[in-house]
């Protein structure tokens, strides 16, 4: 049988300690019917992707593989026609619904690891995708194929390429390129040293938001926040050096990277490492 092995990142996301499911909510102007949803999904690029039509299987040695299967869309599109709960608003009702999904409704392994929940009473669609299917950027690009442009319903939206960095590189001379290489070496050295120190000597501090053993099954509460696009653009324009900004952001997931490496080692040693499931 022509099975395809999971990537290292995919194997990480199917381990019990780092099992992750992406829950994405989309608000609509009008309720989406079941037939319309089936039509959109059936004619999309999403189901043509091998990951979205493959089962996750495990061999006798514990190795995970993708196995091609016949896709039954009816098992992946779930309709909830009635209002959910007794919340005061659609937003609160959807938050409660997604919070309950994270602890009470894992994705079934007898079908490809994705679902679409239709909530017409709240004009909302909930996408549930296992993180082993792909990373955030690739999944977002794939989800865009389910939508169409307002001015041209036959065309899918396109993400404009970033040209500012390329133009900036063309404007730099030899001295600028040398400085850029030196900065890259310097920051890489700092991050490697910091990573080693954190992995060997430094432990994550205990805070009120840090979980312990068994917290993955505690009840969840989701709270949403609204940001104006104009405000986000202001922040973006205020960052003079986007590369330095993202380098700063990369400091935060160091503890997760440390744990990820620990999980990989734990998989090789067949030992369990506890970690709360991410919402």
Protein backbone atom coordinates (compact mmCIF):
# COMPACT_ATOMS: atom_id res chain seq x y z
CA UNK A 1 0.00 0.00 0.00
CA UNK A 2 1.35 3.41 -0.96
CA UNK A 3 1.27 5.16 2.42
CA UNK A 4 3.12 8.43 3.00
CA UNK A 5 4.91 8.99 6.33
CA UNK A 6 4.14 12.06 8.38
CA UNK A 7 6.63 14.90 8.48
CA UNK A 8 8.51 15.47 11.79
CA UNK A 9 6.21 18.40 12.56
CA UNK A 10 3.16 16.29 11.74
CA UNK A 11 4.34 13.53 14.09
CA UNK A 12 4.81 16.12 16.82
CA UNK A 13 1.23 17.38 16.51
CA UNK A 14 -0.32 13.89 16.78
CA UNK A 15 1.44 13.03 20.03
CA UNK A 16 -0.82 13.04 23.11
CA UNK A 17 1.37 15.66 24.77
CA UNK A 18 1.17 18.13 21.88
CA UNK A 19 -2.09 17.14 20.20
CA UNK A 20 -3.40 20.27 18.49
CA UNK A 21 -6.59 21.03 16.58
CA UNK A 22 -7.11 24.39 14.91
CA UNK A 23 -10.58 25.84 15.54
CA UNK A 24 -11.38 28.76 13.22
CA UNK A 25 -14.66 30.71 13.22
CA UNK A 26 -15.93 32.67 10.23
CA UNK A 27 -18.76 35.18 10.55
CA UNK A 28 -21.11 35.56 7.59
CA UNK A 29 -23.56 38.21 6.45
CA UNK A 30 -26.13 35.54 5.56
CA UNK A 31 -26.62 32.00 6.89
CA UNK A 32 -24.93 29.30 4.82
CA UNK A 33 -27.13 26.37 3.84
CA UNK A 34 -25.98 22.77 3.93
CA UNK A 35 -26.33 22.32 0.16
CA UNK A 36 -24.36 25.49 -0.55
CA UNK A 37 -21.58 24.38 1.79
CA UNK A 38 -21.36 20.97 0.12
CA UNK A 39 -21.22 22.59 -3.31
CA UNK A 40 -18.40 24.97 -2.30
CA UNK A 41 -16.34 22.25 -0.63
CA UNK A 42 -16.89 19.72 -3.41
CA UNK A 43 -15.55 22.15 -6.02
CA UNK A 44 -12.67 23.53 -3.97
CA UNK A 45 -8.97 22.81 -4.09
CA UNK A 46 -9.10 21.81 -0.44
CA UNK A 47 -10.45 18.31 -0.95
CA UNK A 48 -8.03 17.79 -3.84
CA UNK A 49 -5.16 18.13 -1.39
CA UNK A 50 -3.97 14.63 -0.39
CA UNK A 51 -3.97 15.47 3.34
CA UNK A 52 -7.69 16.30 3.29
CA UNK A 53 -8.58 12.94 1.77
CA UNK A 54 -6.23 10.69 3.75
CA UNK A 55 -6.56 8.74 6.97
CA UNK A 56 -4.00 8.89 9.74
CA UNK A 57 -2.86 5.31 10.37
CA UNK A 58 -0.19 3.77 12.61
CA UNK A 59 1.85 0.67 11.83
CA UNK A 60 2.99 -2.02 14.26
CA UNK A 61 6.11 -0.03 15.10
CA UNK A 62 4.15 3.07 16.12
CA UNK A 63 4.99 5.05 12.99
CA UNK A 64 2.25 7.33 11.63
CA UNK A 65 1.33 7.44 7.93
CA UNK A 66 -1.17 9.12 5.62
CA UNK A 67 -3.32 6.61 3.75
CA UNK A 68 -5.48 7.71 0.81
CA UNK A 69 -9.19 7.00 1.28
CA UNK A 70 -12.56 7.68 -0.32
CA UNK A 71 -13.83 11.03 0.93
CA UNK A 72 -17.40 11.28 2.18
CA UNK A 73 -18.20 14.98 2.50
CA UNK A 74 -21.40 14.26 4.46
CA UNK A 75 -19.28 13.08 7.38
CA UNK A 76 -17.25 16.28 7.42
CA UNK A 77 -19.95 18.96 7.14
CA UNK A 78 -22.00 19.14 10.35
CA UNK A 79 -25.19 21.19 10.52
CA UNK A 80 -26.42 22.71 13.79
CA UNK A 81 -29.65 24.45 12.72
CA UNK A 82 -30.90 25.47 16.19
CA UNK A 83 -29.49 28.29 18.33
CA UNK A 84 -26.74 27.18 20.69
CA UNK A 85 -27.22 27.58 24.41
CA UNK A 86 -28.77 30.60 26.09
CA UNK A 87 -26.09 33.18 25.44
CA UNK A 88 -27.04 36.85 25.07
CA UNK A 89 -25.27 37.29 21.73
CA UNK A 90 -24.09 35.29 18.74
CA UNK A 91 -20.48 35.93 19.68
CA UNK A 92 -20.92 34.53 23.19
CA UNK A 93 -22.82 31.51 21.87
CA UNK A 94 -20.09 30.72 19.33
CA UNK A 95 -17.37 31.13 21.96
CA UNK A 96 -19.16 28.64 24.23
CA UNK A 97 -19.63 26.23 21.34
CA UNK A 98 -15.97 26.28 20.30
CA UNK A 99 -14.84 26.05 23.93
CA UNK A 100 -16.93 22.90 24.34
CA UNK A 101 -15.55 21.42 21.11
CA UNK A 102 -11.99 21.72 22.36
CA UNK A 103 -12.58 19.31 25.26
CA UNK A 104 -15.58 17.18 24.29
CA UNK A 105 -15.32 16.52 20.55
CA UNK A 106 -11.95 15.26 19.30
CA UNK A 107 -11.60 14.61 15.59
CA UNK A 108 -12.33 11.01 14.69
CA UNK A 109 -9.42 9.03 13.22
CA UNK A 110 -11.72 6.92 11.02
CA UNK A 111 -12.00 9.84 8.58
CA UNK A 112 -9.66 12.63 7.36
CA UNK A 113 -8.88 15.03 10.18
CA UNK A 114 -11.06 18.03 9.37
CA UNK A 115 -14.64 19.18 9.89
CA UNK A 116 -16.85 22.13 8.96
CA UNK A 117 -19.61 23.05 11.43
CA UNK A 118 -22.48 25.16 10.10
CA UNK A 119 -24.29 27.37 12.61
CA UNK A 120 -26.95 29.13 10.49
CA UNK A 121 -28.81 30.49 13.52
CA UNK A 122 -25.69 32.49 14.37
CA UNK A 123 -24.51 33.13 10.78
CA UNK A 124 -21.24 31.38 11.48
CA UNK A 125 -19.02 28.59 10.19
CA UNK A 126 -16.52 26.76 12.39
CA UNK A 127 -13.57 25.07 10.69
CA UNK A 128 -11.81 22.33 12.62
CA UNK A 129 -8.50 21.16 11.15
CA UNK A 130 -5.86 19.01 12.76
CA UNK A 131 -2.52 20.80 12.90
CA UNK A 132 -0.81 17.74 11.40
CA UNK A 133 -2.41 18.64 8.05
CA UNK A 134 -0.25 21.74 7.67
CA UNK A 135 1.11 24.94 9.16
CA UNK A 136 -0.82 28.16 9.60
CA UNK A 137 0.26 29.93 6.42
CA UNK A 138 -0.38 26.97 4.12
CA UNK A 139 -3.77 26.26 5.70
CA UNK A 140 -4.81 29.91 5.44
CA UNK A 141 -3.87 29.93 1.77
CA UNK A 142 -5.84 26.75 1.24
CA UNK A 143 -8.88 28.13 3.06
CA UNK A 144 -8.87 31.14 0.74
CA UNK A 145 -9.78 28.79 -2.11
CA UNK A 146 -13.19 28.37 -0.43
CA UNK A 147 -13.96 32.07 -0.90
CA UNK A 148 -14.51 34.37 -3.89
CA UNK A 149 -13.91 38.03 -4.65
CA UNK A 150 -16.83 40.43 -4.23
CA UNK A 151 -16.14 42.19 -7.53
CA UNK A 152 -15.52 38.93 -9.41
CA UNK A 153 -17.35 35.88 -7.99
CA UNK A 154 -15.48 33.54 -10.33
CA UNK A 155 -12.05 34.47 -8.94
CA UNK A 156 -10.48 33.44 -5.63
CA UNK A 157 -8.75 36.09 -3.49
CA UNK A 158 -5.01 36.41 -3.94
CA UNK A 159 -2.38 37.37 -1.40
CA UNK A 160 -0.26 40.15 -2.81
CA UNK A 161 3.48 39.38 -2.74
CA UNK A 162 5.71 41.40 -0.47
CA UNK A 163 7.90 43.59 -2.65
CA UNK A 164 9.21 46.07 -0.09
CA UNK A 165 11.92 43.77 1.23
CA UNK A 166 13.11 42.96 -2.28
CA UNK A 167 13.23 46.62 -3.20
CA UNK A 168 15.15 47.33 -0.03
CA UNK A 169 17.69 44.65 -0.86
CA UNK A 170 18.22 46.15 -4.30
CA UNK A 171 18.89 49.55 -2.76
CA UNK A 172 21.55 48.25 -0.38
CA UNK A 173 25.14 48.42 -1.48
CA UNK A 174 28.04 46.12 -0.65
CA UNK A 175 28.47 47.65 2.81
CA UNK A 176 24.80 47.14 3.61
CA UNK A 177 24.98 43.49 2.60
CA UNK A 178 28.06 42.92 4.75
CA UNK A 179 26.38 44.54 7.76
CA UNK A 180 23.29 42.45 7.18
CA UNK A 181 25.32 39.22 7.19
CA UNK A 182 27.17 40.25 10.35
CA UNK A 183 23.89 41.08 12.09
CA UNK A 184 22.45 37.74 11.02
CA UNK A 185 25.46 35.89 12.45
CA UNK A 186 25.38 37.93 15.66
CA UNK A 187 21.66 37.46 16.36
CA UNK A 188 21.83 33.77 15.42
CA UNK A 189 24.65 33.29 17.93
CA UNK A 190 22.68 35.07 20.65
CA UNK A 191 19.56 32.99 20.01
CA UNK A 192 21.53 29.72 19.98
CA UNK A 193 23.18 30.58 23.30
CA UNK A 194 19.86 31.64 24.81
CA UNK A 195 18.20 28.47 23.54
CA UNK A 196 20.92 26.26 25.04
CA UNK A 197 20.81 28.09 28.38
CA UNK A 198 17.04 27.87 28.55
CA UNK A 199 17.05 24.21 27.58
CA UNK A 200 19.75 23.19 30.07
CA UNK A 201 19.63 25.56 33.04
CA UNK A 202 16.60 27.83 32.90
CA UNK A 203 13.09 26.61 33.63
CA UNK A 204 9.83 28.33 32.75
CA UNK A 205 8.43 30.28 35.65
CA UNK A 206 5.15 29.26 37.26
CA UNK A 207 2.31 31.68 36.57
CA UNK A 208 -1.45 31.71 37.03
CA UNK A 209 -1.97 30.85 33.36
CA UNK A 210 0.43 27.90 33.33
CA UNK A 211 -1.25 24.51 33.45
CA UNK A 212 -0.20 21.27 35.08
CA UNK A 213 -0.90 17.60 34.66
CA UNK A 214 -4.44 16.94 33.45
CA UNK A 215 -5.41 20.51 32.56
CA UNK A 216 -6.14 19.51 28.97
CA UNK A 217 -9.56 18.23 30.09
CA UNK A 218 -10.53 21.24 32.18
CA UNK A 219 -13.49 23.32 30.95
CA UNK A 220 -12.48 26.07 28.54
CA UNK A 221 -13.64 29.65 28.24
CA UNK A 222 -13.05 31.64 25.06
CA UNK A 223 -13.01 35.42 24.98
CA UNK A 224 -12.72 37.38 21.75
CA UNK A 225 -11.20 40.81 21.17
CA UNK A 226 -11.79 43.21 18.30
CA UNK A 227 -9.05 45.14 16.50
CA UNK A 228 -9.57 47.80 13.88
CA UNK A 229 -7.71 47.29 10.63
CA UNK A 230 -6.59 50.93 10.76
CA UNK A 231 -5.00 50.35 14.17
CA UNK A 232 -3.18 47.26 12.92
CA UNK A 233 -1.84 49.25 9.97
CA UNK A 234 -0.64 51.96 12.36
CA UNK A 235 1.29 49.39 14.36
CA UNK A 236 2.72 47.91 11.18
CA UNK A 237 3.89 51.31 9.93
CA UNK A 238 5.40 52.13 13.32
CA UNK A 239 7.72 49.15 13.08
CA UNK A 240 10.70 50.46 11.15
CA UNK A 241 12.43 47.11 10.85
CA UNK A 242 10.01 44.24 10.33
CA UNK A 243 12.79 41.67 10.55
CA UNK A 244 13.80 42.86 14.02
CA UNK A 245 10.14 42.88 15.04
CA UNK A 246 9.65 39.26 14.09
CA UNK A 247 12.94 38.32 15.73
CA UNK A 248 11.57 39.85 18.90
CA UNK A 249 8.38 37.82 18.58
CA UNK A 250 10.40 34.65 18.10
CA UNK A 251 11.71 34.94 21.65
CA UNK A 252 8.33 33.93 23.06
CA UNK A 253 7.99 30.40 21.59
CA UNK A 254 11.43 29.33 22.82
CA UNK A 255 9.89 27.37 25.69
CA UNK A 256 7.58 25.61 23.22
CA UNK A 257 10.52 24.75 20.95
CA UNK A 258 12.35 23.38 23.97
CA UNK A 259 9.37 21.20 24.85
CA UNK A 260 8.91 20.16 21.21
CA UNK A 261 12.45 18.83 21.13
CA UNK A 262 11.76 17.07 24.40
CA UNK A 263 8.67 15.45 22.96
CA UNK A 264 10.61 14.29 19.90
CA UNK A 265 13.19 12.71 22.19
CA UNK A 266 10.38 11.24 24.27
CA UNK A 267 8.85 9.68 21.17
CA UNK A 268 12.15 8.06 20.33
CA UNK A 269 12.50 6.78 23.90
CA UNK A 270 8.80 5.77 24.09
CA UNK A 271 8.16 7.89 27.14
CA UNK A 272 5.26 10.27 27.83
CA UNK A 273 5.71 13.97 28.50
CA UNK A 274 2.76 15.93 29.85
CA UNK A 275 1.69 19.19 28.22
CA UNK A 276 -1.69 20.89 28.13
CA UNK A 277 -3.57 20.75 24.85
CA UNK A 278 -3.61 24.07 23.02
CA UNK A 279 -6.96 25.62 22.14
